[in-house]
């Protein structure tokens, strides 16, 4: 259907955006050279010549680039590249890892919210008005995957884009909404936590500013946790 095609196009574009930083090595520089040192002609799309090999994608470099994105463009429509058997096995391995990371991330956020005061306070520091402890907004960044590449929610936006292929057609709109909610609130939570961590250093700042932005980030973390719960339900994962 038209709606399904549009949904898949949206996630394909999201995949392009997520992967573009990893594909920087294939982008041509202003000097006309590819940053990986290969001939700039390797970046050509299709040869206009007839009756020779130019009717195929001109180089392995081009094919590898699109393979890294996971999509191919034909006439404006985005199509999933069919993997070879070895690639299919690797894809299954990545798929299971993605599923596990979403579940683990959901469980970690649930624990974090259930123990909010404990996890965002450090009683080893100098006593303050916050139950004798200093607040630690940095914990928010840690739990939503902004501090470590090993965190299950590190680049969760890319994880969700990959998992979109498993979504039943009738639930795609709900999945897209959950994806957008997660991305928006994870970024907002990270931003509020960062501002909170510098609350006392900013002009006019103080411990009240730390608490204010920390509570704002909590609302964002709740939205992140709930959106992951929606993804888990849609994909029928065990949490």
Protein backbone atom coordinates (compact mmCIF):
# COMPACT_ATOMS: atom_id res chain seq x y z
CA UNK A 1 0.00 0.00 0.00
CA UNK A 2 0.99 3.64 -0.40
CA UNK A 3 1.12 4.14 3.38
CA UNK A 4 3.43 1.17 3.88
CA UNK A 5 5.74 2.36 1.10
CA UNK A 6 5.92 5.79 2.73
CA UNK A 7 6.69 4.25 6.14
CA UNK A 8 9.55 2.20 4.74
CA UNK A 9 10.88 5.23 2.89
CA UNK A 10 10.92 7.19 6.17
CA UNK A 11 12.93 4.48 7.93
CA UNK A 12 15.22 4.10 4.94
CA UNK A 13 15.96 7.82 5.11
CA UNK A 14 16.54 7.48 8.85
CA UNK A 15 19.00 4.69 8.09
CA UNK A 16 20.82 6.99 5.67
CA UNK A 17 21.05 9.71 8.32
CA UNK A 18 22.28 7.26 10.97
CA UNK A 19 24.90 5.75 8.67
CA UNK A 20 26.17 8.91 6.98
CA UNK A 21 28.82 9.52 9.64
CA UNK A 22 30.15 6.00 9.14
CA UNK A 23 30.23 6.54 5.38
CA UNK A 24 32.30 9.73 5.49
CA UNK A 25 35.26 7.90 4.01
CA UNK A 26 33.41 7.69 0.70
CA UNK A 27 32.46 11.35 0.42
CA UNK A 28 34.33 13.44 -2.17
CA UNK A 29 36.33 16.36 -0.88
CA UNK A 30 36.32 19.85 -2.37
CA UNK A 31 39.61 19.03 -4.01
CA UNK A 32 37.92 16.24 -5.99
CA UNK A 33 39.47 13.34 -4.10
CA UNK A 34 37.74 10.71 -2.04
CA UNK A 35 38.84 10.89 1.58
CA UNK A 36 39.93 7.25 1.52
CA UNK A 37 42.44 8.07 -1.19
CA UNK A 38 40.61 6.32 -4.06
CA UNK A 39 39.89 7.78 -7.47
CA UNK A 40 36.93 10.20 -7.39
CA UNK A 41 35.47 8.38 -10.39
CA UNK A 42 34.72 5.52 -7.99
CA UNK A 43 31.84 7.67 -6.71
CA UNK A 44 29.93 7.61 -10.02
CA UNK A 45 26.46 6.10 -9.95
CA UNK A 46 25.72 4.46 -13.30
CA UNK A 47 27.60 4.67 -16.56
CA UNK A 48 25.70 6.18 -19.46
CA UNK A 49 27.59 3.97 -21.92
CA UNK A 50 25.79 1.17 -23.75
CA UNK A 51 27.03 -2.27 -24.64
CA UNK A 52 29.73 -2.54 -21.99
CA UNK A 53 30.24 -3.08 -18.30
CA UNK A 54 29.19 0.49 -17.58
CA UNK A 55 25.56 -0.61 -17.25
CA UNK A 56 26.38 -2.01 -13.81
CA UNK A 57 27.32 0.02 -10.74
CA UNK A 58 30.74 1.25 -11.68
CA UNK A 59 32.78 0.07 -8.72
CA UNK A 60 32.82 -2.07 -5.63
CA UNK A 61 33.25 1.14 -3.66
CA UNK A 62 29.82 2.34 -4.73
CA UNK A 63 28.20 -0.99 -3.95
CA UNK A 64 29.88 -1.14 -0.57
CA UNK A 65 28.66 2.35 0.23
CA UNK A 66 25.01 1.47 -0.36
CA UNK A 67 25.46 -1.85 1.36
CA UNK A 68 26.66 0.03 4.43
CA UNK A 69 23.39 1.98 4.40
CA UNK A 70 21.31 -1.14 3.97
CA UNK A 71 19.20 0.37 1.17
CA UNK A 72 19.36 0.94 -2.58
CA UNK A 73 17.64 3.70 -4.49
CA UNK A 74 15.73 2.99 -7.71
CA UNK A 75 13.47 5.60 -9.23
CA UNK A 76 12.97 7.34 -5.89
CA UNK A 77 11.85 4.20 -4.01
CA UNK A 78 14.00 2.62 -1.33
CA UNK A 79 14.47 -1.14 -1.49
CA UNK A 80 16.07 -3.54 0.98
CA UNK A 81 19.19 -5.22 -0.38
CA UNK A 82 18.84 -9.01 -0.40
CA UNK A 83 21.73 -10.47 1.63
CA UNK A 84 23.86 -13.42 0.60
CA UNK A 85 23.70 -16.55 2.84
CA UNK A 86 26.76 -15.50 4.87
CA UNK A 87 25.36 -12.01 5.21
CA UNK A 88 22.00 -13.43 6.29
CA UNK A 89 23.67 -15.32 9.13
CA UNK A 90 25.46 -12.16 10.19
CA UNK A 91 22.19 -10.22 9.95
CA UNK A 92 20.47 -12.72 12.23
CA UNK A 93 23.30 -12.31 14.74
CA UNK A 94 22.92 -8.51 14.60
CA UNK A 95 19.14 -8.85 14.86
CA UNK A 96 19.36 -10.89 18.04
CA UNK A 97 21.84 -8.42 19.49
CA UNK A 98 19.54 -5.51 18.66
CA UNK A 99 16.58 -7.22 20.31
CA UNK A 100 18.62 -7.97 23.43
CA UNK A 101 19.88 -4.39 23.63
CA UNK A 102 16.36 -2.95 23.46
CA UNK A 103 15.17 -5.25 26.25
CA UNK A 104 18.25 -4.62 28.36
CA UNK A 105 17.98 -0.86 27.82
CA UNK A 106 14.31 -0.93 28.84
CA UNK A 107 15.15 -2.87 32.01
CA UNK A 108 17.97 -0.49 32.89
CA UNK A 109 15.75 2.57 32.47
CA UNK A 110 13.06 0.93 34.60
CA UNK A 111 15.60 0.29 37.36
CA UNK A 112 16.93 3.82 37.01
CA UNK A 113 13.50 5.39 37.42
CA UNK A 114 12.59 3.09 40.32
CA UNK A 115 15.77 4.19 42.09
CA UNK A 116 15.93 7.77 40.82
CA UNK A 117 16.98 9.54 44.04
CA UNK A 118 19.60 6.93 44.86
CA UNK A 119 21.06 6.81 41.34
CA UNK A 120 21.17 10.60 40.86
CA UNK A 121 22.74 11.36 44.23
CA UNK A 122 26.22 10.95 45.60
CA UNK A 123 26.44 10.95 49.36
CA UNK A 124 30.24 10.72 49.32
CA UNK A 125 30.47 14.36 48.31
CA UNK A 126 30.00 17.37 50.51
CA UNK A 127 26.56 17.48 52.14
CA UNK A 128 23.92 19.71 50.62
CA UNK A 129 20.21 20.38 50.87
CA UNK A 130 19.44 17.25 48.86
CA UNK A 131 19.12 14.74 51.69
CA UNK A 132 22.73 15.37 52.62
CA UNK A 133 23.97 14.40 49.14
CA UNK A 134 25.12 16.05 45.93
CA UNK A 135 23.03 15.40 42.83
CA UNK A 136 24.71 13.62 39.90
CA UNK A 137 22.91 14.43 36.62
CA UNK A 138 25.64 12.61 34.69
CA UNK A 139 23.89 9.35 35.58
CA UNK A 140 21.08 10.29 33.20
CA UNK A 141 23.53 10.43 30.30
CA UNK A 142 24.95 7.07 31.30
CA UNK A 143 21.62 5.26 31.45
CA UNK A 144 20.41 6.53 28.07
CA UNK A 145 23.60 5.50 26.30
CA UNK A 146 25.44 8.81 25.88
CA UNK A 147 28.51 7.93 27.93
CA UNK A 148 29.70 4.54 26.70
CA UNK A 149 29.75 2.64 23.41
CA UNK A 150 29.17 -0.52 25.42
CA UNK A 151 25.82 0.66 26.75
CA UNK A 152 22.82 -1.25 25.29
CA UNK A 153 21.18 2.05 24.32
CA UNK A 154 24.25 3.50 22.59
CA UNK A 155 22.97 4.72 19.20
CA UNK A 156 19.57 3.20 19.95
CA UNK A 157 18.17 5.21 17.02
CA UNK A 158 20.16 3.00 14.64
CA UNK A 159 19.06 -0.12 16.52
CA UNK A 160 15.41 0.83 16.10
CA UNK A 161 15.88 1.56 12.40
CA UNK A 162 17.31 -1.93 11.88
CA UNK A 163 14.46 -3.55 13.82
CA UNK A 164 11.80 -1.77 11.76
CA UNK A 165 11.97 -4.58 9.18
CA UNK A 166 10.38 -6.92 11.74
CA UNK A 167 7.35 -4.71 12.40
CA UNK A 168 3.95 -6.03 11.22
CA UNK A 169 2.36 -3.79 8.60
CA UNK A 170 -0.59 -2.84 10.77
CA UNK A 171 1.70 -1.65 13.58
CA UNK A 172 4.17 0.41 11.54
CA UNK A 173 2.57 3.77 12.40
CA UNK A 174 2.73 2.97 16.12
CA UNK A 175 6.34 1.85 15.81
CA UNK A 176 7.28 5.04 13.97
CA UNK A 177 5.67 7.12 16.71
CA UNK A 178 7.57 5.18 19.39
CA UNK A 179 10.81 5.68 17.43
CA UNK A 180 10.29 9.42 17.12
CA UNK A 181 9.32 9.71 20.80
CA UNK A 182 12.45 7.88 21.88
CA UNK A 183 14.83 9.88 19.70
CA UNK A 184 13.32 13.23 20.71
CA UNK A 185 13.28 12.49 24.43
CA UNK A 186 16.68 10.82 24.63
CA UNK A 187 18.25 13.94 23.12
CA UNK A 188 16.22 16.19 25.44
CA UNK A 189 17.16 14.11 28.49
CA UNK A 190 20.84 14.30 27.59
CA UNK A 191 20.60 18.07 27.08
CA UNK A 192 18.76 18.72 30.36
CA UNK A 193 21.18 16.51 32.28
CA UNK A 194 24.13 18.38 30.79
CA UNK A 195 22.66 21.75 31.75
CA UNK A 196 21.89 20.40 35.23
CA UNK A 197 25.46 19.20 35.69
CA UNK A 198 26.64 22.81 35.15
CA UNK A 199 23.80 24.36 37.14
CA UNK A 200 25.96 26.00 39.78
CA UNK A 201 28.62 27.17 37.33
CA UNK A 202 26.22 29.11 35.09
CA UNK A 203 25.39 32.76 35.82
CA UNK A 204 22.49 32.90 38.25
CA UNK A 205 22.77 29.17 38.78
CA UNK A 206 22.57 27.20 41.97
CA UNK A 207 21.39 23.92 43.42
CA UNK A 208 17.81 24.81 42.56
CA UNK A 209 18.79 24.93 38.87
CA UNK A 210 20.45 21.53 39.17
CA UNK A 211 17.22 20.10 40.60
CA UNK A 212 15.05 21.85 38.00
CA UNK A 213 16.84 20.47 34.95
CA UNK A 214 17.32 17.07 36.57
CA UNK A 215 13.54 16.75 37.00
CA UNK A 216 13.05 17.79 33.39
CA UNK A 217 15.38 15.04 32.29
CA UNK A 218 13.43 12.55 34.41
CA UNK A 219 10.28 13.25 32.39
CA UNK A 220 12.25 12.60 29.22
CA UNK A 221 13.65 9.34 30.61
CA UNK A 222 10.10 8.19 31.45
CA UNK A 223 9.08 8.87 27.84
CA UNK A 224 12.13 6.93 26.59
CA UNK A 225 11.33 3.96 28.81
CA UNK A 226 7.67 3.93 27.74
CA UNK A 227 8.53 4.14 24.04
CA UNK A 228 10.92 1.19 24.38
CA UNK A 229 8.11 -0.68 26.13
CA UNK A 230 5.95 -0.03 23.07
CA UNK A 231 8.69 -1.38 20.79
CA UNK A 232 9.03 -4.50 22.94
CA UNK A 233 5.27 -5.11 22.72
CA UNK A 234 5.15 -4.56 18.95
CA UNK A 235 8.07 -6.94 18.34
CA UNK A 236 6.73 -9.42 20.92
CA UNK A 237 10.01 -9.49 22.87
CA UNK A 238 10.37 -10.87 26.37
CA UNK A 239 11.26 -8.14 28.86
